[in-house]
Amino acid sequence: MKILLLADIADKALWDFLDRKLLEGIELVLACGDLPAEYLEFLTCFTNAPILYVHGNHDSGYETKPPEGCICVEDTLYVYKGLRIVGLGGSAKYRPAPNMYTEREMARRARRLWFSLHRHRGFDILMTHAPARGVGDQENLTHRGFETFNKLMDRWKPRYMVHGHVHPQYVTIDFQRERQYGETTVVNAYKRYVIEV
């Protein structure tokens, strides 16, 4: 399955110039947060692929105007054509605001999924906004990853974790699009990226 990953910035090649070749063969779109609702709605007009999304830390507008035609997978295990996707959006809480969580709050969200994870015998993709701790995150609180995600990968060994939140310009050393964490390939979905599952 060819999956389009999006996060953090609306890609001009898709939104402004609509290069339809970028959508050819795409069977699923995973939007990992901090994207304008209008951008995701626009894409629903040009692809038959479902667009699943989680909230980024700047997506408070989704509360009153979520992206129409798209599917929110926050705090759920969503199955599409046999592919099991867990959605846990938001970032580390660096100020009081929606879609920001302490480590304890994120762990509580993950625990609520436990029954569903057992019933489905795990999951294939962990879809988040923030990264996992020590796997492409930053030391500052704003862009620090969650240890809860590491624990989910340790326990369930999903094929992929996809996230956003850390932009290439934030990284002082080489920006890595893909990293390996145990048996899981971790992908930073910034702007636009394609994976095949």
N, C-alpha and C. Protein backbone atom coordinates (compact mmCIF):
# COMPACT_ATOMS: atom_id res chain seq x y z
N MET A 1 0.85 -1.19 0.00
CA MET A 1 0.00 0.00 0.00
C MET A 1 0.89 1.25 0.00
N LYS A 2 0.62 2.17 -0.90
CA LYS A 2 1.38 3.41 -1.01
C LYS A 2 0.70 4.47 -0.15
N ILE A 3 1.43 5.01 0.83
CA ILE A 3 0.86 5.93 1.80
C ILE A 3 1.57 7.28 1.72
N LEU A 4 0.78 8.33 1.60
CA LEU A 4 1.31 9.69 1.60
C LEU A 4 1.27 10.23 3.02
N LEU A 5 2.42 10.68 3.51
CA LEU A 5 2.53 11.27 4.84
C LEU A 5 2.64 12.78 4.71
N LEU A 6 1.92 13.49 5.57
CA LEU A 6 1.95 14.96 5.56
C LEU A 6 2.10 15.45 6.99
N ALA A 7 2.78 16.59 7.17
CA ALA A 7 2.87 17.19 8.50
C ALA A 7 3.43 18.61 8.42
N ASP A 8 2.96 19.46 9.30
CA ASP A 8 3.58 20.73 9.67
C ASP A 8 3.49 21.88 8.68
N ILE A 9 3.53 21.61 7.39
CA ILE A 9 3.49 22.69 6.42
C ILE A 9 2.74 22.20 5.18
N ALA A 10 1.85 23.04 4.67
CA ALA A 10 1.11 22.69 3.46
C ALA A 10 2.07 22.74 2.27
N ASP A 11 2.20 21.64 1.58
CA ASP A 11 3.12 21.53 0.46
C ASP A 11 2.59 22.32 -0.74
N LYS A 12 3.34 23.31 -1.19
CA LYS A 12 2.89 24.14 -2.31
C LYS A 12 2.70 23.32 -3.58
N ALA A 13 3.50 22.26 -3.73
CA ALA A 13 3.36 21.41 -4.93
C ALA A 13 1.98 20.78 -4.99
N LEU A 14 1.37 20.55 -3.83
CA LEU A 14 0.02 19.98 -3.79
C LEU A 14 -1.06 21.06 -3.71
N TRP A 15 -0.86 22.07 -2.85
CA TRP A 15 -1.93 23.04 -2.59
C TRP A 15 -1.95 24.17 -3.61
N ASP A 16 -0.82 24.78 -3.87
CA ASP A 16 -0.77 25.93 -4.78
C ASP A 16 -0.75 25.51 -6.25
N PHE A 17 0.04 24.47 -6.55
CA PHE A 17 0.24 24.10 -7.94
C PHE A 17 -0.45 22.80 -8.34
N LEU A 18 -0.98 22.07 -7.38
CA LEU A 18 -1.70 20.81 -7.59
C LEU A 18 -1.03 19.91 -8.63
N ASP A 19 0.13 19.42 -8.28
CA ASP A 19 0.81 18.43 -9.12
C ASP A 19 0.16 17.08 -8.85
N ARG A 20 -0.78 16.71 -9.69
CA ARG A 20 -1.57 15.49 -9.47
C ARG A 20 -0.72 14.22 -9.51
N LYS A 21 0.45 14.29 -10.15
CA LYS A 21 1.32 13.13 -10.19
C LYS A 21 1.73 12.70 -8.78
N LEU A 22 1.78 13.66 -7.86
CA LEU A 22 2.17 13.36 -6.48
C LEU A 22 1.11 12.53 -5.75
N LEU A 23 -0.10 12.47 -6.30
CA LEU A 23 -1.18 11.70 -5.69
C LEU A 23 -1.44 10.38 -6.42
N GLU A 24 -0.75 10.14 -7.53
CA GLU A 24 -0.97 8.91 -8.30
C GLU A 24 -0.57 7.69 -7.48
N GLY A 25 -1.46 6.72 -7.42
CA GLY A 25 -1.19 5.47 -6.73
C GLY A 25 -1.31 5.54 -5.22
N ILE A 26 -1.61 6.71 -4.67
CA ILE A 26 -1.73 6.84 -3.22
C ILE A 26 -3.03 6.18 -2.76
N GLU A 27 -2.91 5.27 -1.79
CA GLU A 27 -4.08 4.55 -1.29
C GLU A 27 -4.54 5.03 0.08
N LEU A 28 -3.68 5.79 0.76
CA LEU A 28 -4.01 6.27 2.10
C LEU A 28 -3.16 7.51 2.37
N VAL A 29 -3.76 8.49 3.06
CA VAL A 29 -3.03 9.70 3.45
C VAL A 29 -3.06 9.79 4.98
N LEU A 30 -1.89 9.98 5.57
CA LEU A 30 -1.79 10.16 7.02
C LEU A 30 -1.27 11.57 7.29
N ALA A 31 -2.09 12.41 7.89
CA ALA A 31 -1.74 13.79 8.20
C ALA A 31 -1.38 13.88 9.68
N CYS A 32 -0.11 14.17 9.95
CA CYS A 32 0.43 14.09 11.31
C CYS A 32 0.45 15.42 12.06
N GLY A 33 -0.47 16.32 11.73
CA GLY A 33 -0.66 17.51 12.55
C GLY A 33 -0.05 18.80 12.05
N ASP A 34 -0.59 19.89 12.59
CA ASP A 34 -0.18 21.26 12.27
C ASP A 34 -0.38 21.60 10.80
N LEU A 35 -1.48 21.18 10.26
CA LEU A 35 -1.83 21.46 8.86
C LEU A 35 -3.16 22.21 8.81
N PRO A 36 -3.30 23.19 7.92
CA PRO A 36 -4.58 23.88 7.81
C PRO A 36 -5.71 22.92 7.42
N ALA A 37 -6.84 23.05 8.09
CA ALA A 37 -8.00 22.20 7.76
C ALA A 37 -8.37 22.36 6.29
N GLU A 38 -8.25 23.58 5.76
CA GLU A 38 -8.61 23.84 4.36
C GLU A 38 -7.71 23.06 3.40
N TYR A 39 -6.47 22.86 3.77
CA TYR A 39 -5.52 22.10 2.95
C TYR A 39 -5.96 20.64 2.85
N LEU A 40 -6.29 20.05 3.98
CA LEU A 40 -6.73 18.65 3.97
C LEU A 40 -8.06 18.51 3.22
N GLU A 41 -8.96 19.45 3.43
CA GLU A 41 -10.24 19.43 2.70
C GLU A 41 -10.02 19.52 1.20
N PHE A 42 -9.10 20.39 0.79
CA PHE A 42 -8.76 20.54 -0.62
C PHE A 42 -8.29 19.21 -1.21
N LEU A 43 -7.44 18.51 -0.47
CA LEU A 43 -6.91 17.24 -0.98
C LEU A 43 -7.99 16.18 -1.14
N THR A 44 -9.05 16.24 -0.34
CA THR A 44 -10.12 15.24 -0.49
C THR A 44 -10.79 15.33 -1.86
N CYS A 45 -10.67 16.47 -2.52
CA CYS A 45 -11.28 16.66 -3.84
C CYS A 45 -10.46 16.00 -4.95
N PHE A 46 -9.22 15.63 -4.65
CA PHE A 46 -8.33 15.16 -5.70
C PHE A 46 -7.75 13.77 -5.46
N THR A 47 -8.22 13.12 -4.41
CA THR A 47 -7.81 11.74 -4.17
C THR A 47 -8.98 10.97 -3.59
N ASN A 48 -9.07 9.70 -3.94
CA ASN A 48 -10.08 8.82 -3.35
C ASN A 48 -9.55 8.16 -2.08
N ALA A 49 -8.27 8.38 -1.80
CA ALA A 49 -7.66 7.78 -0.61
C ALA A 49 -8.22 8.44 0.65
N PRO A 50 -8.55 7.66 1.66
CA PRO A 50 -8.97 8.26 2.93
C PRO A 50 -7.85 9.12 3.51
N ILE A 51 -8.22 10.23 4.12
CA ILE A 51 -7.24 11.09 4.79
C ILE A 51 -7.48 10.99 6.30
N LEU A 52 -6.55 10.36 6.99
CA LEU A 52 -6.63 10.22 8.44
C LEU A 52 -5.75 11.29 9.07
N TYR A 53 -6.18 11.83 10.20
CA TYR A 53 -5.36 12.86 10.83
C TYR A 53 -5.35 12.76 12.35
N VAL A 54 -4.27 13.30 12.92
CA VAL A 54 -4.18 13.56 14.36
C VAL A 54 -3.90 15.04 14.52
N HIS A 55 -4.11 15.54 15.72
CA HIS A 55 -3.90 16.97 15.99
C HIS A 55 -2.43 17.27 16.26
N GLY A 56 -1.99 18.39 15.73
CA GLY A 56 -0.71 18.95 16.13
C GLY A 56 -0.94 19.94 17.25
N ASN A 57 0.12 20.46 17.83
CA ASN A 57 -0.02 21.40 18.93
C ASN A 57 -0.58 22.75 18.47
N HIS A 58 -0.62 23.01 17.16
CA HIS A 58 -1.18 24.27 16.66
C HIS A 58 -2.54 24.07 15.99
N ASP A 59 -3.19 22.95 16.24
CA ASP A 59 -4.46 22.64 15.57
C ASP A 59 -5.69 22.91 16.44
N SER A 60 -5.64 23.91 17.30
CA SER A 60 -6.78 24.19 18.17
C SER A 60 -8.02 24.60 17.36
N GLY A 61 -7.83 25.11 16.16
CA GLY A 61 -8.96 25.48 15.30
C GLY A 61 -9.80 24.30 14.87
N TYR A 62 -9.23 23.09 14.94
CA TYR A 62 -9.97 21.88 14.57
C TYR A 62 -11.16 21.65 15.53
N GLU A 63 -11.07 22.23 16.72
CA GLU A 63 -12.15 22.05 17.70
C GLU A 63 -13.47 22.60 17.16
N THR A 64 -13.41 23.73 16.48
CA THR A 64 -14.63 24.34 15.94
C THR A 64 -14.81 24.06 14.46
N LYS A 65 -13.71 23.81 13.74
CA LYS A 65 -13.81 23.55 12.31
C LYS A 65 -12.81 22.46 11.91
N PRO A 66 -13.20 21.20 12.13
CA PRO A 66 -12.31 20.10 11.72
C PRO A 66 -12.29 19.97 10.19
N PRO A 67 -11.26 19.35 9.63
CA PRO A 67 -11.21 19.20 8.18
C PRO A 67 -12.30 18.25 7.68
N GLU A 68 -13.24 18.80 6.90
CA GLU A 68 -14.37 18.01 6.40
C GLU A 68 -13.89 16.95 5.41
N GLY A 69 -14.51 15.79 5.49
CA GLY A 69 -14.17 14.71 4.58
C GLY A 69 -12.98 13.89 5.03
N CYS A 70 -12.39 14.26 6.17
CA CYS A 70 -11.23 13.55 6.70
C CYS A 70 -11.63 12.81 7.98
N ILE A 71 -10.80 11.88 8.41
CA ILE A 71 -11.14 11.02 9.55
C ILE A 71 -10.14 11.27 10.68
N CYS A 72 -10.65 11.70 11.83
CA CYS A 72 -9.80 11.89 13.01
C CYS A 72 -9.57 10.54 13.68
N VAL A 73 -8.30 10.19 13.91
CA VAL A 73 -7.98 8.91 14.55
C VAL A 73 -7.34 9.10 15.92
N GLU A 74 -7.58 10.26 16.53
CA GLU A 74 -7.07 10.51 17.88
C GLU A 74 -7.57 9.45 18.85
N ASP A 75 -6.66 8.91 19.64
CA ASP A 75 -7.00 7.99 20.73
C ASP A 75 -7.78 6.77 20.26
N THR A 76 -7.50 6.32 19.03
CA THR A 76 -8.19 5.13 18.52
C THR A 76 -7.20 4.21 17.81
N LEU A 77 -7.65 2.99 17.63
CA LEU A 77 -6.98 2.07 16.73
C LEU A 77 -7.91 1.94 15.53
N TYR A 78 -7.47 2.45 14.40
CA TYR A 78 -8.28 2.50 13.18
C TYR A 78 -7.74 1.47 12.20
N VAL A 79 -8.62 0.66 11.63
CA VAL A 79 -8.19 -0.38 10.69
C VAL A 79 -8.65 -0.01 9.30
N TYR A 80 -7.69 0.02 8.36
CA TYR A 80 -8.00 0.28 6.96
C TYR A 80 -7.35 -0.79 6.10
N LYS A 81 -8.18 -1.58 5.42
CA LYS A 81 -7.71 -2.68 4.57
C LYS A 81 -6.71 -3.56 5.31
N GLY A 82 -7.01 -3.85 6.56
CA GLY A 82 -6.17 -4.72 7.37
C GLY A 82 -5.00 -4.04 8.05
N LEU A 83 -4.74 -2.78 7.71
CA LEU A 83 -3.64 -2.02 8.30
C LEU A 83 -4.14 -1.37 9.60
N ARG A 84 -3.50 -1.69 10.70
CA ARG A 84 -3.92 -1.20 12.02
C ARG A 84 -3.12 0.05 12.39
N ILE A 85 -3.83 1.16 12.58
CA ILE A 85 -3.18 2.46 12.80
C ILE A 85 -3.64 3.03 14.15
N VAL A 86 -2.67 3.36 14.99
CA VAL A 86 -2.95 3.99 16.29
C VAL A 86 -2.65 5.47 16.17
N GLY A 87 -3.59 6.32 16.59
CA GLY A 87 -3.42 7.77 16.52
C GLY A 87 -3.29 8.41 17.90
N LEU A 88 -2.18 9.11 18.13
CA LEU A 88 -1.95 9.84 19.39
C LEU A 88 -1.27 11.17 19.05
N GLY A 89 -2.07 12.19 18.79
CA GLY A 89 -1.53 13.49 18.41
C GLY A 89 -1.11 14.33 19.59
N GLY A 90 -0.70 15.56 19.28
CA GLY A 90 -0.30 16.51 20.30
C GLY A 90 1.20 16.52 20.54
N SER A 91 1.62 17.45 21.39
CA SER A 91 3.05 17.58 21.70
C SER A 91 3.23 17.67 23.21
N ALA A 92 4.48 17.76 23.63
CA ALA A 92 4.78 17.97 25.05
C ALA A 92 4.19 19.31 25.50
N LYS A 93 3.71 19.33 26.72
CA LYS A 93 3.07 20.55 27.24
C LYS A 93 4.14 21.55 27.66
N TYR A 94 4.30 22.59 26.85
CA TYR A 94 5.26 23.64 27.20
C TYR A 94 4.54 24.92 27.62
N ARG A 95 3.19 24.91 27.54
CA ARG A 95 2.36 25.99 28.08
C ARG A 95 0.93 25.44 28.14
N PRO A 96 0.04 26.06 28.89
CA PRO A 96 -1.34 25.57 28.94
C PRO A 96 -2.03 25.82 27.60
N ALA A 97 -2.39 24.77 26.90
CA ALA A 97 -3.04 24.91 25.59
C ALA A 97 -3.61 23.56 25.19
N PRO A 98 -4.58 23.57 24.26
CA PRO A 98 -5.11 22.29 23.76
C PRO A 98 -4.02 21.51 23.02
N ASN A 99 -4.18 20.22 22.98
CA ASN A 99 -3.30 19.32 22.23
C ASN A 99 -1.85 19.32 22.73
N MET A 100 -1.70 19.63 24.01
CA MET A 100 -0.38 19.53 24.65
C MET A 100 -0.54 18.68 25.91
N TYR A 101 0.45 17.80 26.13
CA TYR A 101 0.30 16.79 27.18
C TYR A 101 1.60 16.62 27.97
N THR A 102 1.45 16.33 29.25
CA THR A 102 2.60 15.89 30.03
C THR A 102 2.85 14.43 29.67
N GLU A 103 3.99 13.92 30.08
CA GLU A 103 4.29 12.50 29.84
C GLU A 103 3.23 11.62 30.50
N ARG A 104 2.82 11.98 31.69
CA ARG A 104 1.82 11.19 32.40
C ARG A 104 0.48 11.19 31.66
N GLU A 105 0.10 12.35 31.13
CA GLU A 105 -1.17 12.44 30.38
C GLU A 105 -1.11 11.60 29.09
N MET A 106 0.03 11.62 28.41
CA MET A 106 0.16 10.82 27.19
C MET A 106 0.13 9.33 27.53
N ALA A 107 0.77 8.95 28.63
CA ALA A 107 0.75 7.54 29.05
C ALA A 107 -0.67 7.10 29.36
N ARG A 108 -1.45 7.98 29.98
CA ARG A 108 -2.85 7.67 30.28
C ARG A 108 -3.64 7.45 29.00
N ARG A 109 -3.41 8.28 27.99
CA ARG A 109 -4.09 8.11 26.70
C ARG A 109 -3.74 6.75 26.08
N ALA A 110 -2.46 6.40 26.15
CA ALA A 110 -2.02 5.11 25.58
C ALA A 110 -2.65 3.94 26.33
N ARG A 111 -2.75 4.05 27.65
CA ARG A 111 -3.35 2.96 28.44
C ARG A 111 -4.80 2.72 28.07
N ARG A 112 -5.50 3.78 27.71
CA ARG A 112 -6.91 3.63 27.32
C ARG A 112 -7.07 2.79 26.05
N LEU A 113 -5.99 2.65 25.28
CA LEU A 113 -6.03 1.87 24.04
C LEU A 113 -5.69 0.39 24.27
N TRP A 114 -5.28 0.06 25.48
CA TRP A 114 -4.74 -1.27 25.76
C TRP A 114 -5.67 -2.41 25.32
N PHE A 115 -6.95 -2.32 25.67
CA PHE A 115 -7.88 -3.39 25.31
C PHE A 115 -7.96 -3.55 23.79
N SER A 116 -8.06 -2.45 23.10
CA SER A 116 -8.14 -2.48 21.64
C SER A 116 -6.87 -3.06 21.02
N LEU A 117 -5.72 -2.70 21.58
CA LEU A 117 -4.45 -3.23 21.07
C LEU A 117 -4.37 -4.74 21.26
N HIS A 118 -4.81 -5.22 22.41
CA HIS A 118 -4.80 -6.67 22.66
C HIS A 118 -5.79 -7.38 21.74
N ARG A 119 -6.96 -6.81 21.58
CA ARG A 119 -7.98 -7.45 20.74
C ARG A 119 -7.53 -7.56 19.28
N HIS A 120 -6.79 -6.54 18.81
CA HIS A 120 -6.30 -6.56 17.42
C HIS A 120 -4.90 -7.14 17.30
N ARG A 121 -4.37 -7.64 18.42
CA ARG A 121 -3.03 -8.24 18.44
C ARG A 121 -1.97 -7.26 17.95
N GLY A 122 -2.04 -6.06 18.46
CA GLY A 122 -1.05 -5.05 18.14
C GLY A 122 -1.50 -4.10 17.06
N PHE A 123 -0.53 -3.43 16.46
CA PHE A 123 -0.84 -2.45 15.41
C PHE A 123 0.36 -2.34 14.47
N ASP A 124 0.13 -1.75 13.31
CA ASP A 124 1.17 -1.66 12.27
C ASP A 124 1.82 -0.29 12.20
N ILE A 125 1.05 0.76 12.46
CA ILE A 125 1.57 2.13 12.36
C ILE A 125 1.17 2.93 13.60
N LEU A 126 2.15 3.54 14.23
CA LEU A 126 1.90 4.50 15.30
C LEU A 126 1.96 5.88 14.66
N MET A 127 0.83 6.58 14.65
CA MET A 127 0.72 7.88 13.99
C MET A 127 0.60 8.95 15.06
N THR A 128 1.58 9.85 15.12
CA THR A 128 1.62 10.86 16.17
C THR A 128 1.97 12.22 15.56
N HIS A 129 1.96 13.25 16.38
CA HIS A 129 2.51 14.53 15.96
C HIS A 129 3.93 14.66 16.49
N ALA A 130 4.09 14.46 17.78
CA ALA A 130 5.42 14.56 18.40
C ALA A 130 6.21 13.28 18.14
N PRO A 131 7.53 13.36 18.17
CA PRO A 131 8.35 12.16 18.02
C PRO A 131 8.43 11.36 19.32
N ALA A 132 9.10 10.22 19.25
CA ALA A 132 9.42 9.44 20.44
C ALA A 132 10.65 10.06 21.10
N ARG A 133 10.82 9.80 22.37
CA ARG A 133 11.96 10.38 23.10
C ARG A 133 13.26 9.79 22.59
N GLY A 134 14.18 10.69 22.19
CA GLY A 134 15.49 10.25 21.74
C GLY A 134 15.53 9.71 20.32
N VAL A 135 14.40 9.82 19.60
CA VAL A 135 14.35 9.29 18.22
C VAL A 135 13.92 10.42 17.29
N GLY A 136 14.84 11.35 17.05
CA GLY A 136 14.53 12.47 16.17
C GLY A 136 13.89 13.66 16.86
N ASP A 137 13.90 13.65 18.19
CA ASP A 137 13.33 14.79 18.91
C ASP A 137 14.43 15.79 19.24
N GLN A 138 14.11 16.81 20.03
CA GLN A 138 15.07 17.82 20.45
C GLN A 138 15.11 17.84 21.97
N GLU A 139 16.14 18.44 22.53
CA GLU A 139 16.26 18.50 23.99
C GLU A 139 15.34 19.54 24.60
N ASN A 140 14.99 20.61 23.85
CA ASN A 140 14.10 21.63 24.43
C ASN A 140 12.71 21.04 24.63
N LEU A 141 12.02 21.50 25.65
CA LEU A 141 10.71 20.95 26.00
C LEU A 141 9.72 21.03 24.85
N THR A 142 9.77 22.10 24.08
CA THR A 142 8.82 22.30 22.98
C THR A 142 8.84 21.14 21.99
N HIS A 143 10.01 20.61 21.70
CA HIS A 143 10.15 19.57 20.70
C HIS A 143 10.66 18.25 21.26
N ARG A 144 10.48 18.07 22.56
CA ARG A 144 10.88 16.82 23.21
C ARG A 144 9.86 15.74 22.90
N GLY A 145 10.34 14.53 22.66
CA GLY A 145 9.47 13.40 22.37
C GLY A 145 8.92 12.75 23.63
N PHE A 146 7.99 11.81 23.42
CA PHE A 146 7.35 11.10 24.53
C PHE A 146 7.94 9.71 24.72
N GLU A 147 8.31 9.39 25.95
CA GLU A 147 8.76 8.03 26.28
C GLU A 147 7.64 7.02 26.11
N THR A 148 6.41 7.48 26.24
CA THR A 148 5.26 6.60 26.04
C THR A 148 5.31 5.94 24.66
N PHE A 149 5.75 6.69 23.65
CA PHE A 149 5.83 6.14 22.29
C PHE A 149 6.90 5.06 22.20
N ASN A 150 8.03 5.28 22.90
CA ASN A 150 9.08 4.26 22.93
C ASN A 150 8.53 2.97 23.53
N LYS A 151 7.76 3.11 24.61
CA LYS A 151 7.21 1.93 25.28
C LYS A 151 6.23 1.20 24.39
N LEU A 152 5.42 1.95 23.64
CA LEU A 152 4.49 1.31 22.70
C LEU A 152 5.25 0.54 21.62
N MET A 153 6.33 1.13 21.11
CA MET A 153 7.13 0.44 20.10
C MET A 153 7.86 -0.77 20.68
N ASP A 154 8.36 -0.64 21.90
CA ASP A 154 9.03 -1.77 22.55
C ASP A 154 8.08 -2.95 22.73
N ARG A 155 6.87 -2.65 23.16
CA ARG A 155 5.90 -3.71 23.46
C ARG A 155 5.28 -4.34 22.21
N TRP A 156 4.89 -3.49 21.22
CA TRP A 156 4.10 -3.99 20.10
C TRP A 156 4.86 -4.11 18.79
N LYS A 157 6.03 -3.49 18.69
CA LYS A 157 6.89 -3.59 17.50
C LYS A 157 6.14 -3.31 16.19
N PRO A 158 5.52 -2.13 16.09
CA PRO A 158 4.84 -1.79 14.83
C PRO A 158 5.87 -1.62 13.71
N ARG A 159 5.41 -1.76 12.47
CA ARG A 159 6.32 -1.60 11.33
C ARG A 159 6.82 -0.16 11.21
N TYR A 160 5.89 0.78 11.47
CA TYR A 160 6.23 2.20 11.31
C TYR A 160 5.73 3.02 12.47
N MET A 161 6.47 4.09 12.77
CA MET A 161 5.96 5.21 13.54
C MET A 161 6.13 6.42 12.63
N VAL A 162 5.06 7.19 12.44
CA VAL A 162 5.13 8.40 11.61
C VAL A 162 4.74 9.59 12.48
N HIS A 163 5.50 10.68 12.35
CA HIS A 163 5.27 11.86 13.19
C HIS A 163 5.66 13.11 12.41
N GLY A 164 5.41 14.26 13.01
CA GLY A 164 5.84 15.54 12.47
C GLY A 164 6.54 16.30 13.57
N HIS A 165 6.20 17.59 13.70
CA HIS A 165 6.60 18.47 14.82
C HIS A 165 8.03 18.98 14.74
N VAL A 166 9.00 18.15 14.36
CA VAL A 166 10.39 18.59 14.28
C VAL A 166 10.70 18.91 12.82
N HIS A 167 10.85 20.20 12.54
CA HIS A 167 11.12 20.65 11.18
C HIS A 167 12.61 20.55 10.87
N PRO A 168 12.98 20.40 9.60
CA PRO A 168 14.42 20.31 9.27
C PRO A 168 15.22 21.52 9.75
N GLN A 169 14.61 22.69 9.72
CA GLN A 169 15.35 23.89 10.12
C GLN A 169 15.61 23.96 11.63
N TYR A 170 14.93 23.11 12.42
CA TYR A 170 15.17 23.07 13.86
C TYR A 170 16.41 22.24 14.20
N VAL A 171 16.84 21.41 13.28
CA VAL A 171 17.88 20.42 13.55
C VAL A 171 19.25 21.03 13.24
N THR A 172 20.11 21.04 14.24
CA THR A 172 21.42 21.64 14.05
C THR A 172 22.37 20.71 13.30
N ILE A 173 22.17 19.42 13.45
CA ILE A 173 22.98 18.44 12.72
C ILE A 173 22.12 17.98 11.53
N ASP A 174 22.54 16.99 10.80
CA ASP A 174 21.80 16.52 9.63
C ASP A 174 20.39 16.06 10.00
N PHE A 175 19.42 16.56 9.24
CA PHE A 175 18.03 16.14 9.41
C PHE A 175 17.89 14.74 8.83
N GLN A 176 17.34 13.82 9.61
CA GLN A 176 17.12 12.46 9.13
C GLN A 176 15.63 12.23 8.95
N ARG A 177 15.25 11.85 7.74
CA ARG A 177 13.84 11.57 7.46
C ARG A 177 13.43 10.25 8.10
N GLU A 178 14.29 9.24 8.01
CA GLU A 178 13.98 7.92 8.56
C GLU A 178 15.04 7.51 9.58
N ARG A 179 14.57 6.85 10.63
CA ARG A 179 15.45 6.30 11.65
C ARG A 179 14.93 4.91 12.00
N GLN A 180 15.78 4.12 12.60
CA GLN A 180 15.35 2.80 13.05
C GLN A 180 15.32 2.77 14.56
N TYR A 181 14.22 2.28 15.11
CA TYR A 181 14.10 2.07 16.55
C TYR A 181 13.68 0.62 16.74
N GLY A 182 14.60 -0.23 17.09
CA GLY A 182 14.28 -1.65 17.19
C GLY A 182 13.78 -2.15 15.85
N GLU A 183 12.60 -2.74 15.85
CA GLU A 183 12.02 -3.27 14.61
C GLU A 183 11.14 -2.24 13.89
N THR A 184 11.08 -1.03 14.41
CA THR A 184 10.19 -0.01 13.86
C THR A 184 10.97 1.04 13.07
N THR A 185 10.50 1.33 11.86
CA THR A 185 11.04 2.43 11.08
C THR A 185 10.29 3.69 11.48
N VAL A 186 11.02 4.69 11.95
CA VAL A 186 10.43 5.95 12.40
C VAL A 186 10.63 6.99 11.31
N VAL A 187 9.53 7.60 10.86
CA VAL A 187 9.58 8.52 9.73
C VAL A 187 9.06 9.90 10.16
N ASN A 188 9.85 10.93 9.90
CA ASN A 188 9.41 12.30 10.10
C ASN A 188 8.66 12.71 8.83
N ALA A 189 7.37 12.99 8.96
CA ALA A 189 6.50 13.26 7.80
C ALA A 189 6.51 14.71 7.35
N TYR A 190 7.42 15.51 7.86
CA TYR A 190 7.45 16.94 7.54
C TYR A 190 7.16 17.20 6.06
N LYS A 191 6.22 18.08 5.80
CA LYS A 191 5.81 18.52 4.47
C LYS A 191 5.15 17.40 3.68
N ARG A 192 5.96 16.49 3.11
CA ARG A 192 5.39 15.40 2.29
C ARG A 192 6.43 14.28 2.18
N TYR A 193 5.95 13.04 2.35
CA TYR A 193 6.82 11.88 2.20
C TYR A 193 5.94 10.69 1.86
N VAL A 194 6.49 9.74 1.13
CA VAL A 194 5.72 8.55 0.75
C VAL A 194 6.40 7.31 1.29
N ILE A 195 5.62 6.40 1.88
CA ILE A 195 6.12 5.09 2.29
C ILE A 195 5.26 4.03 1.62
N GLU A 196 5.78 2.83 1.55
CA GLU A 196 5.02 1.69 1.04
C GLU A 196 4.99 0.63 2.09
N VAL A 197 3.80 0.16 2.42
CA VAL A 197 3.61 -0.85 3.46
C VAL A 197 3.04 -2.09 2.81
